[in-house]
Amino acid sequence: VSIRMEGNINLYSYNFICSSPGHSDFGATGMSSSD
């Protein structure tokens, strides 16, 4: 999680990988082409 903006409202963000079901063809990056 990283902070994107601070103030009266703080804005945080994070990234996650959403994998398609049934795919396990991981490449060099550890991610499938459908991720």
PDB file of all heavy atoms in Angstrom:
ATOM      1  N   VAL A   1       0.850  -1.177   0.000  1.00  0.00           N
ATOM      2  CA  VAL A   1       0.000   0.000   0.000  1.00  0.00           C
ATOM      3  C   VAL A   1       0.893   1.237   0.000  1.00  0.00           C
ATOM      4  O   VAL A   1       1.856   1.313   0.755  1.00  0.00           O
ATOM      5  CB  VAL A   1      -0.922   0.021   1.236  1.00  0.00           C
ATOM      6  CG1 VAL A   1      -1.725   1.293   1.293  1.00  0.00           C
ATOM      7  CG2 VAL A   1      -1.834  -1.182   1.251  1.00  0.00           C
ATOM      8  N   SER A   2       0.578   2.168  -0.854  1.00  0.00           N
ATOM      9  CA  SER A   2       1.339   3.418  -0.877  1.00  0.00           C
ATOM     10  C   SER A   2       0.379   4.588  -0.699  1.00  0.00           C
ATOM     11  O   SER A   2      -0.785   4.516  -1.080  1.00  0.00           O
ATOM     12  CB  SER A   2       2.109   3.562  -2.185  1.00  0.00           C
ATOM     13  OG  SER A   2       1.222   3.618  -3.279  1.00  0.00           O
ATOM     14  N   ILE A   3       0.894   5.643  -0.104  1.00  0.00           N
ATOM     15  CA  ILE A   3       0.073   6.838   0.074  1.00  0.00           C
ATOM     16  C   ILE A   3       0.221   7.702  -1.174  1.00  0.00           C
ATOM     17  O   ILE A   3       1.317   7.972  -1.628  1.00  0.00           O
ATOM     18  CB  ILE A   3       0.432   7.610   1.361  1.00  0.00           C
ATOM     19  CG1 ILE A   3      -0.597   8.687   1.605  1.00  0.00           C
ATOM     20  CG2 ILE A   3       1.833   8.143   1.328  1.00  0.00           C
ATOM     21  CD1 ILE A   3      -0.706   9.137   3.034  1.00  0.00           C
ATOM     22  N   ARG A   4      -0.904   8.087  -1.759  1.00  0.00           N
ATOM     23  CA  ARG A   4      -0.905   8.896  -2.974  1.00  0.00           C
ATOM     24  C   ARG A   4      -1.087  10.372  -2.667  1.00  0.00           C
ATOM     25  O   ARG A   4      -0.638  11.223  -3.400  1.00  0.00           O
ATOM     26  CB  ARG A   4      -2.026   8.436  -3.903  1.00  0.00           C
ATOM     27  CG  ARG A   4      -1.907   7.029  -4.429  1.00  0.00           C
ATOM     28  CD  ARG A   4      -0.980   6.934  -5.614  1.00  0.00           C
ATOM     29  NE  ARG A   4      -1.362   7.769  -6.714  1.00  0.00           N
ATOM     30  CZ  ARG A   4      -2.068   7.392  -7.768  1.00  0.00           C
ATOM     31  NH1 ARG A   4      -2.480   6.160  -7.865  1.00  0.00           N
ATOM     32  NH2 ARG A   4      -2.361   8.241  -8.720  1.00  0.00           N
ATOM     33  N   MET A   5      -1.808  10.658  -1.551  1.00  0.00           N
ATOM     34  CA  MET A   5      -2.099  12.044  -1.209  1.00  0.00           C
ATOM     35  C   MET A   5      -2.401  12.120   0.283  1.00  0.00           C
ATOM     36  O   MET A   5      -3.076  11.255   0.825  1.00  0.00           O
ATOM     37  CB  MET A   5      -3.320  12.504  -2.009  1.00  0.00           C
ATOM     38  CG  MET A   5      -3.562  13.963  -2.013  1.00  0.00           C
ATOM     39  SD  MET A   5      -4.995  14.391  -3.049  1.00  0.00           S
ATOM     40  CE  MET A   5      -4.677  13.496  -4.550  1.00  0.00           C
ATOM     41  N   GLU A   6      -1.889  13.174   0.941  1.00  0.00           N
ATOM     42  CA  GLU A   6      -2.159  13.384   2.357  1.00  0.00           C
ATOM     43  C   GLU A   6      -2.876  14.708   2.552  1.00  0.00           C
ATOM     44  O   GLU A   6      -2.638  15.659   1.823  1.00  0.00           O
ATOM     45  CB  GLU A   6      -0.858  13.401   3.157  1.00  0.00           C
ATOM     46  CG  GLU A   6      -0.198  12.054   3.280  1.00  0.00           C
ATOM     47  CD  GLU A   6       1.026  12.113   4.160  1.00  0.00           C
ATOM     48  OE1 GLU A   6       2.094  12.471   3.647  1.00  0.00           O
ATOM     49  OE2 GLU A   6       0.879  11.794   5.350  1.00  0.00           O
ATOM     50  N   GLY A   7      -3.733  14.759   3.539  1.00  0.00           N
ATOM     51  CA  GLY A   7      -4.477  15.971   3.852  1.00  0.00           C
ATOM     52  C   GLY A   7      -5.630  15.619   4.754  1.00  0.00           C
ATOM     53  O   GLY A   7      -5.558  14.684   5.547  1.00  0.00           O
ATOM     54  N   ASN A   8      -6.720  16.373   4.637  1.00  0.00           N
ATOM     55  CA  ASN A   8      -7.914  16.067   5.422  1.00  0.00           C
ATOM     56  C   ASN A   8      -8.500  14.717   5.023  1.00  0.00           C
ATOM     57  O   ASN A   8      -9.152  14.058   5.808  1.00  0.00           O
ATOM     58  CB  ASN A   8      -8.958  17.164   5.270  1.00  0.00           C
ATOM     59  CG  ASN A   8      -8.513  18.435   5.961  1.00  0.00           C
ATOM     60  OD1 ASN A   8      -7.939  18.386   7.037  1.00  0.00           O
ATOM     61  ND2 ASN A   8      -8.753  19.568   5.333  1.00  0.00           N
ATOM     62  N   ILE A   9      -8.280  14.349   3.768  1.00  0.00           N
ATOM     63  CA  ILE A   9      -8.571  12.994   3.304  1.00  0.00           C
ATOM     64  C   ILE A   9      -7.271  12.431   2.757  1.00  0.00           C
ATOM     65  O   ILE A   9      -6.641  13.044   1.891  1.00  0.00           O
ATOM     66  CB  ILE A   9      -9.654  12.955   2.209  1.00  0.00           C
ATOM     67  CG1 ILE A   9     -11.000  13.443   2.736  1.00  0.00           C
ATOM     68  CG2 ILE A   9      -9.782  11.543   1.642  1.00  0.00           C
ATOM     69  CD1 ILE A   9     -12.100  13.480   1.693  1.00  0.00           C
ATOM     70  N   ASN A  10      -6.850  11.298   3.288  1.00  0.00           N
ATOM     71  CA  ASN A  10      -5.670  10.611   2.769  1.00  0.00           C
ATOM     72  C   ASN A  10      -6.116   9.615   1.712  1.00  0.00           C
ATOM     73  O   ASN A  10      -7.130   8.930   1.879  1.00  0.00           O
ATOM     74  CB  ASN A  10      -4.916   9.870   3.872  1.00  0.00           C
ATOM     75  CG  ASN A  10      -4.256  10.825   4.843  1.00  0.00           C
ATOM     76  OD1 ASN A  10      -3.934  11.958   4.514  1.00  0.00           O
ATOM     77  ND2 ASN A  10      -4.054  10.375   6.060  1.00  0.00           N
ATOM     78  N   LEU A  11      -5.356   9.540   0.628  1.00  0.00           N
ATOM     79  CA  LEU A  11      -5.654   8.616  -0.457  1.00  0.00           C
ATOM     80  C   LEU A  11      -4.521   7.607  -0.547  1.00  0.00           C
ATOM     81  O   LEU A  11      -3.361   7.983  -0.696  1.00  0.00           O
ATOM     82  CB  LEU A  11      -5.801   9.378  -1.777  1.00  0.00           C
ATOM     83  CG  LEU A  11      -6.035   8.549  -3.033  1.00  0.00           C
ATOM     84  CD1 LEU A  11      -7.366   7.805  -2.950  1.00  0.00           C
ATOM     85  CD2 LEU A  11      -5.989   9.437  -4.266  1.00  0.00           C
ATOM     86  N   TYR A  12      -4.871   6.346  -0.422  1.00  0.00           N
ATOM     87  CA  TYR A  12      -3.912   5.249  -0.522  1.00  0.00           C
ATOM     88  C   TYR A  12      -4.255   4.430  -1.755  1.00  0.00           C
ATOM     89  O   TYR A  12      -5.394   4.426  -2.213  1.00  0.00           O
ATOM     90  CB  TYR A  12      -4.001   4.332   0.703  1.00  0.00           C
ATOM     91  CG  TYR A  12      -3.787   5.031   2.016  1.00  0.00           C
ATOM     92  CD1 TYR A  12      -4.852   5.603   2.704  1.00  0.00           C
ATOM     93  CD2 TYR A  12      -2.520   5.121   2.572  1.00  0.00           C
ATOM     94  CE1 TYR A  12      -4.664   6.245   3.916  1.00  0.00           C
ATOM     95  CE2 TYR A  12      -2.320   5.765   3.786  1.00  0.00           C
ATOM     96  CZ  TYR A  12      -3.398   6.320   4.452  1.00  0.00           C
ATOM     97  OH  TYR A  12      -3.201   6.958   5.644  1.00  0.00           O
ATOM     98  N   SER A  13      -3.259   3.713  -2.264  1.00  0.00           N
ATOM     99  CA  SER A  13      -3.547   2.796  -3.367  1.00  0.00           C
ATOM    100  C   SER A  13      -2.662   1.567  -3.243  1.00  0.00           C
ATOM    101  O   SER A  13      -1.611   1.596  -2.615  1.00  0.00           O
ATOM    102  CB  SER A  13      -3.334   3.477  -4.717  1.00  0.00           C
ATOM    103  OG  SER A  13      -1.974   3.702  -4.956  1.00  0.00           O
ATOM    104  N   TYR A  14      -3.130   0.511  -3.838  1.00  0.00           N
ATOM    105  CA  TYR A  14      -2.328  -0.699  -3.965  1.00  0.00           C
ATOM    106  C   TYR A  14      -2.727  -1.394  -5.255  1.00  0.00           C
ATOM    107  O   TYR A  14      -3.793  -1.147  -5.816  1.00  0.00           O
ATOM    108  CB  TYR A  14      -2.479  -1.621  -2.748  1.00  0.00           C
ATOM    109  CG  TYR A  14      -3.832  -2.257  -2.570  1.00  0.00           C
ATOM    110  CD1 TYR A  14      -4.124  -3.497  -3.120  1.00  0.00           C
ATOM    111  CD2 TYR A  14      -4.824  -1.620  -1.833  1.00  0.00           C
ATOM    112  CE1 TYR A  14      -5.367  -4.084  -2.943  1.00  0.00           C
ATOM    113  CE2 TYR A  14      -6.064  -2.209  -1.647  1.00  0.00           C
ATOM    114  CZ  TYR A  14      -6.323  -3.441  -2.209  1.00  0.00           C
ATOM    115  OH  TYR A  14      -7.552  -4.018  -2.036  1.00  0.00           O
ATOM    116  N   ASN A  15      -1.836  -2.216  -5.750  1.00  0.00           N
ATOM    117  CA  ASN A  15      -2.076  -2.979  -6.976  1.00  0.00           C
ATOM    118  C   ASN A  15      -2.178  -4.448  -6.638  1.00  0.00           C
ATOM    119  O   ASN A  15      -1.452  -4.943  -5.778  1.00  0.00           O
ATOM    120  CB  ASN A  15      -0.947  -2.766  -7.979  1.00  0.00           C
ATOM    121  CG  ASN A  15      -0.959  -1.375  -8.557  1.00  0.00           C
ATOM    122  OD1 ASN A  15      -1.934  -0.962  -9.157  1.00  0.00           O
ATOM    123  ND2 ASN A  15       0.117  -0.641  -8.367  1.00  0.00           N
ATOM    124  N   PHE A  16      -3.066  -5.121  -7.299  1.00  0.00           N
ATOM    125  CA  PHE A  16      -3.116  -6.569  -7.189  1.00  0.00           C
ATOM    126  C   PHE A  16      -3.333  -7.146  -8.570  1.00  0.00           C
ATOM    127  O   PHE A  16      -3.766  -6.463  -9.489  1.00  0.00           O
ATOM    128  CB  PHE A  16      -4.184  -7.037  -6.193  1.00  0.00           C
ATOM    129  CG  PHE A  16      -5.596  -6.875  -6.655  1.00  0.00           C
ATOM    130  CD1 PHE A  16      -6.263  -7.926  -7.267  1.00  0.00           C
ATOM    131  CD2 PHE A  16      -6.275  -5.680  -6.474  1.00  0.00           C
ATOM    132  CE1 PHE A  16      -7.566  -7.775  -7.700  1.00  0.00           C
ATOM    133  CE2 PHE A  16      -7.581  -5.527  -6.887  1.00  0.00           C
ATOM    134  CZ  PHE A  16      -8.227  -6.585  -7.505  1.00  0.00           C
ATOM    135  N   ILE A  17      -2.986  -8.406  -8.696  1.00  0.00           N
ATOM    136  CA  ILE A  17      -3.107  -9.096  -9.975  1.00  0.00           C
ATOM    137  C   ILE A  17      -4.369  -9.943  -9.950  1.00  0.00           C
ATOM    138  O   ILE A  17      -4.583 -10.746  -9.052  1.00  0.00           O
ATOM    139  CB  ILE A  17      -1.878 -10.007 -10.233  1.00  0.00           C
ATOM    140  CG1 ILE A  17      -0.577  -9.204 -10.149  1.00  0.00           C
ATOM    141  CG2 ILE A  17      -2.011 -10.718 -11.574  1.00  0.00           C
ATOM    142  CD1 ILE A  17      -0.465  -8.074 -11.135  1.00  0.00           C
ATOM    143  N   CYS A  18      -5.181  -9.741 -10.946  1.00  0.00           N
ATOM    144  CA  CYS A  18      -6.416 -10.490 -11.089  1.00  0.00           C
ATOM    145  C   CYS A  18      -6.186 -11.549 -12.164  1.00  0.00           C
ATOM    146  O   CYS A  18      -6.022 -11.215 -13.335  1.00  0.00           O
ATOM    147  CB  CYS A  18      -7.541  -9.535 -11.477  1.00  0.00           C
ATOM    148  SG  CYS A  18      -9.149 -10.293 -11.449  1.00  0.00           S
ATOM    149  N   SER A  19      -6.129 -12.803 -11.762  1.00  0.00           N
ATOM    150  CA  SER A  19      -5.868 -13.891 -12.703  1.00  0.00           C
ATOM    151  C   SER A  19      -7.165 -14.446 -13.266  1.00  0.00           C
ATOM    152  O   SER A  19      -8.169 -14.535 -12.563  1.00  0.00           O
ATOM    153  CB  SER A  19      -5.119 -15.029 -12.006  1.00  0.00           C
ATOM    154  OG  SER A  19      -3.873 -14.585 -11.559  1.00  0.00           O
ATOM    155  N   SER A  20      -7.087 -14.851 -14.511  1.00  0.00           N
ATOM    156  CA  SER A  20      -8.231 -15.521 -15.119  1.00  0.00           C
ATOM    157  C   SER A  20      -8.245 -16.967 -14.654  1.00  0.00           C
ATOM    158  O   SER A  20      -7.201 -17.602 -14.568  1.00  0.00           O
ATOM    159  CB  SER A  20      -8.110 -15.480 -16.644  1.00  0.00           C
ATOM    160  OG  SER A  20      -8.125 -14.156 -17.086  1.00  0.00           O
ATOM    161  N   PRO A  21      -9.415 -17.505 -14.347  1.00  0.00           N
ATOM    162  CA  PRO A  21      -9.485 -18.885 -13.868  1.00  0.00           C
ATOM    163  C   PRO A  21      -8.990 -19.865 -14.925  1.00  0.00           C
ATOM    164  O   PRO A  21      -9.205 -19.678 -16.115  1.00  0.00           O
ATOM    165  CB  PRO A  21     -10.970 -19.112 -13.585  1.00  0.00           C
ATOM    166  CG  PRO A  21     -11.678 -17.891 -13.996  1.00  0.00           C
ATOM    167  CD  PRO A  21     -10.693 -16.871 -14.443  1.00  0.00           C
ATOM    168  N   GLY A  22      -8.303 -20.905 -14.460  1.00  0.00           N
ATOM    169  CA  GLY A  22      -7.866 -21.961 -15.364  1.00  0.00           C
ATOM    170  C   GLY A  22      -6.559 -21.694 -16.072  1.00  0.00           C
ATOM    171  O   GLY A  22      -6.123 -22.510 -16.877  1.00  0.00           O
ATOM    172  N   HIS A  23      -5.915 -20.573 -15.822  1.00  0.00           N
ATOM    173  CA  HIS A  23      -4.647 -20.264 -16.488  1.00  0.00           C
ATOM    174  C   HIS A  23      -3.497 -20.444 -15.513  1.00  0.00           C
ATOM    175  O   HIS A  23      -3.508 -19.898 -14.430  1.00  0.00           O
ATOM    176  CB  HIS A  23      -4.642 -18.820 -17.022  1.00  0.00           C
ATOM    177  CG  HIS A  23      -5.483 -18.649 -18.231  1.00  0.00           C
ATOM    178  ND1 HIS A  23      -6.825 -18.402 -18.144  1.00  0.00           N
ATOM    179  CD2 HIS A  23      -5.187 -18.729 -19.552  1.00  0.00           C
ATOM    180  CE1 HIS A  23      -7.323 -18.313 -19.369  1.00  0.00           C
ATOM    181  NE2 HIS A  23      -6.353 -18.507 -20.241  1.00  0.00           N
ATOM    182  N   SER A  24      -2.522 -21.220 -15.937  1.00  0.00           N
ATOM    183  CA  SER A  24      -1.339 -21.410 -15.096  1.00  0.00           C
ATOM    184  C   SER A  24      -0.061 -21.324 -15.918  1.00  0.00           C
ATOM    185  O   SER A  24       0.957 -21.864 -15.541  1.00  0.00           O
ATOM    186  CB  SER A  24      -1.419 -22.759 -14.374  1.00  0.00           C
ATOM    187  OG  SER A  24      -1.493 -23.797 -15.323  1.00  0.00           O
ATOM    188  N   ASP A  25      -0.128 -20.656 -17.048  1.00  0.00           N
ATOM    189  CA  ASP A  25       1.034 -20.546 -17.929  1.00  0.00           C
ATOM    190  C   ASP A  25       1.881 -19.336 -17.541  1.00  0.00           C
ATOM    191  O   ASP A  25       1.886 -18.326 -18.198  1.00  0.00           O
ATOM    192  CB  ASP A  25       0.609 -20.466 -19.399  1.00  0.00           C
ATOM    193  CG  ASP A  25      -0.385 -19.346 -19.672  1.00  0.00           C
ATOM    194  OD1 ASP A  25      -1.139 -18.983 -18.742  1.00  0.00           O
ATOM    195  OD2 ASP A  25      -0.388 -18.827 -20.800  1.00  0.00           O
ATOM    196  N   PHE A  26       2.605 -19.448 -16.441  1.00  0.00           N
ATOM    197  CA  PHE A  26       3.402 -18.342 -15.940  1.00  0.00           C
ATOM    198  C   PHE A  26       4.658 -18.174 -16.759  1.00  0.00           C
ATOM    199  O   PHE A  26       5.338 -19.136 -17.085  1.00  0.00           O
ATOM    200  CB  PHE A  26       3.768 -18.561 -14.464  1.00  0.00           C
ATOM    201  CG  PHE A  26       2.579 -18.461 -13.565  1.00  0.00           C
ATOM    202  CD1 PHE A  26       1.959 -19.590 -13.075  1.00  0.00           C
ATOM    203  CD2 PHE A  26       2.058 -17.222 -13.234  1.00  0.00           C
ATOM    204  CE1 PHE A  26       0.857 -19.504 -12.257  1.00  0.00           C
ATOM    205  CE2 PHE A  26       0.952 -17.119 -12.421  1.00  0.00           C
ATOM    206  CZ  PHE A  26       0.352 -18.260 -11.931  1.00  0.00           C
ATOM    207  N   GLY A  27       4.986 -16.926 -17.059  1.00  0.00           N
ATOM    208  CA  GLY A  27       6.192 -16.611 -17.809  1.00  0.00           C
ATOM    209  C   GLY A  27       7.316 -16.209 -16.881  1.00  0.00           C
ATOM    210  O   GLY A  27       7.293 -16.486 -15.681  1.00  0.00           O
ATOM    211  N   ALA A  28       8.296 -15.537 -17.431  1.00  0.00           N
ATOM    212  CA  ALA A  28       9.482 -15.137 -16.675  1.00  0.00           C
ATOM    213  C   ALA A  28       9.143 -14.174 -15.548  1.00  0.00           C
ATOM    214  O   ALA A  28       9.820 -14.141 -14.529  1.00  0.00           O
ATOM    215  CB  ALA A  28      10.503 -14.507 -17.617  1.00  0.00           C
ATOM    216  N   THR A  29       8.068 -13.390 -15.693  1.00  0.00           N
ATOM    217  CA  THR A  29       7.708 -12.416 -14.663  1.00  0.00           C
ATOM    218  C   THR A  29       6.859 -13.033 -13.562  1.00  0.00           C
ATOM    219  O   THR A  29       6.556 -12.386 -12.581  1.00  0.00           O
ATOM    220  CB  THR A  29       6.918 -11.241 -15.271  1.00  0.00           C
ATOM    221  OG1 THR A  29       5.702 -11.751 -15.800  1.00  0.00           O
ATOM    222  CG2 THR A  29       7.712 -10.520 -16.327  1.00  0.00           C
ATOM    223  N   GLY A  30       6.455 -14.297 -13.745  1.00  0.00           N
ATOM    224  CA  GLY A  30       5.581 -14.924 -12.768  1.00  0.00           C
ATOM    225  C   GLY A  30       4.119 -14.612 -13.018  1.00  0.00           C
ATOM    226  O   GLY A  30       3.260 -14.981 -12.255  1.00  0.00           O
ATOM    227  N   MET A  31       3.848 -13.886 -14.105  1.00  0.00           N
ATOM    228  CA  MET A  31       2.476 -13.535 -14.445  1.00  0.00           C
ATOM    229  C   MET A  31       2.077 -14.240 -15.729  1.00  0.00           C
ATOM    230  O   MET A  31       2.871 -14.370 -16.644  1.00  0.00           O
ATOM    231  CB  MET A  31       2.332 -12.024 -14.650  1.00  0.00           C
ATOM    232  CG  MET A  31       2.437 -11.206 -13.394  1.00  0.00           C
ATOM    233  SD  MET A  31       2.357  -9.420 -13.708  1.00  0.00           S
ATOM    234  CE  MET A  31       0.850  -9.250 -14.618  1.00  0.00           C
ATOM    235  N   SER A  32       0.868 -14.683 -15.772  1.00  0.00           N
ATOM    236  CA  SER A  32       0.317 -15.252 -16.988  1.00  0.00           C
ATOM    237  C   SER A  32      -0.010 -14.099 -17.933  1.00  0.00           C
ATOM    238  O   SER A  32      -0.219 -12.963 -17.504  1.00  0.00           O
ATOM    239  CB  SER A  32      -0.938 -16.034 -16.623  1.00  0.00           C
ATOM    240  OG  SER A  32      -1.816 -16.129 -17.699  1.00  0.00           O
ATOM    241  N   SER A  33      -0.102 -14.388 -19.212  1.00  0.00           N
ATOM    242  CA  SER A  33      -0.448 -13.339 -20.175  1.00  0.00           C
ATOM    243  C   SER A  33      -1.865 -12.835 -19.982  1.00  0.00           C
ATOM    244  O   SER A  33      -2.224 -11.766 -20.457  1.00  0.00           O
ATOM    245  CB  SER A  33      -0.258 -13.856 -21.605  1.00  0.00           C
ATOM    246  OG  SER A  33      -1.095 -14.978 -21.800  1.00  0.00           O
ATOM    247  N   SER A  34      -2.693 -13.612 -19.268  1.00  0.00           N
ATOM    248  CA  SER A  34      -4.083 -13.194 -19.039  1.00  0.00           C
ATOM    249  C   SER A  34      -4.261 -12.463 -17.711  1.00  0.00           C
ATOM    250  O   SER A  34      -5.354 -12.036 -17.387  1.00  0.00           O
ATOM    251  CB  SER A  34      -5.009 -14.410 -19.093  1.00  0.00           C
ATOM    252  OG  SER A  34      -4.673 -15.311 -18.062  1.00  0.00           O
ATOM    253  N   ASP A  35      -3.193 -12.325 -16.918  1.00  0.00           N
ATOM    254  CA  ASP A  35      -3.277 -11.612 -15.641  1.00  0.00           C
ATOM    255  C   ASP A  35      -3.397 -10.118 -15.885  1.00  0.00           C
ATOM    256  O   ASP A  35      -2.727  -9.574 -16.752  1.00  0.00           O
ATOM    257  CB  ASP A  35      -2.046 -11.879 -14.771  1.00  0.00           C
ATOM    258  CG  ASP A  35      -2.002 -13.312 -14.265  1.00  0.00           C
ATOM    259  OD1 ASP A  35      -3.050 -13.980 -14.311  1.00  0.00           O
ATOM    260  OD2 ASP A  35      -0.928 -13.750 -13.847  1.00  0.00           O
TER     261      ASP A  35
END
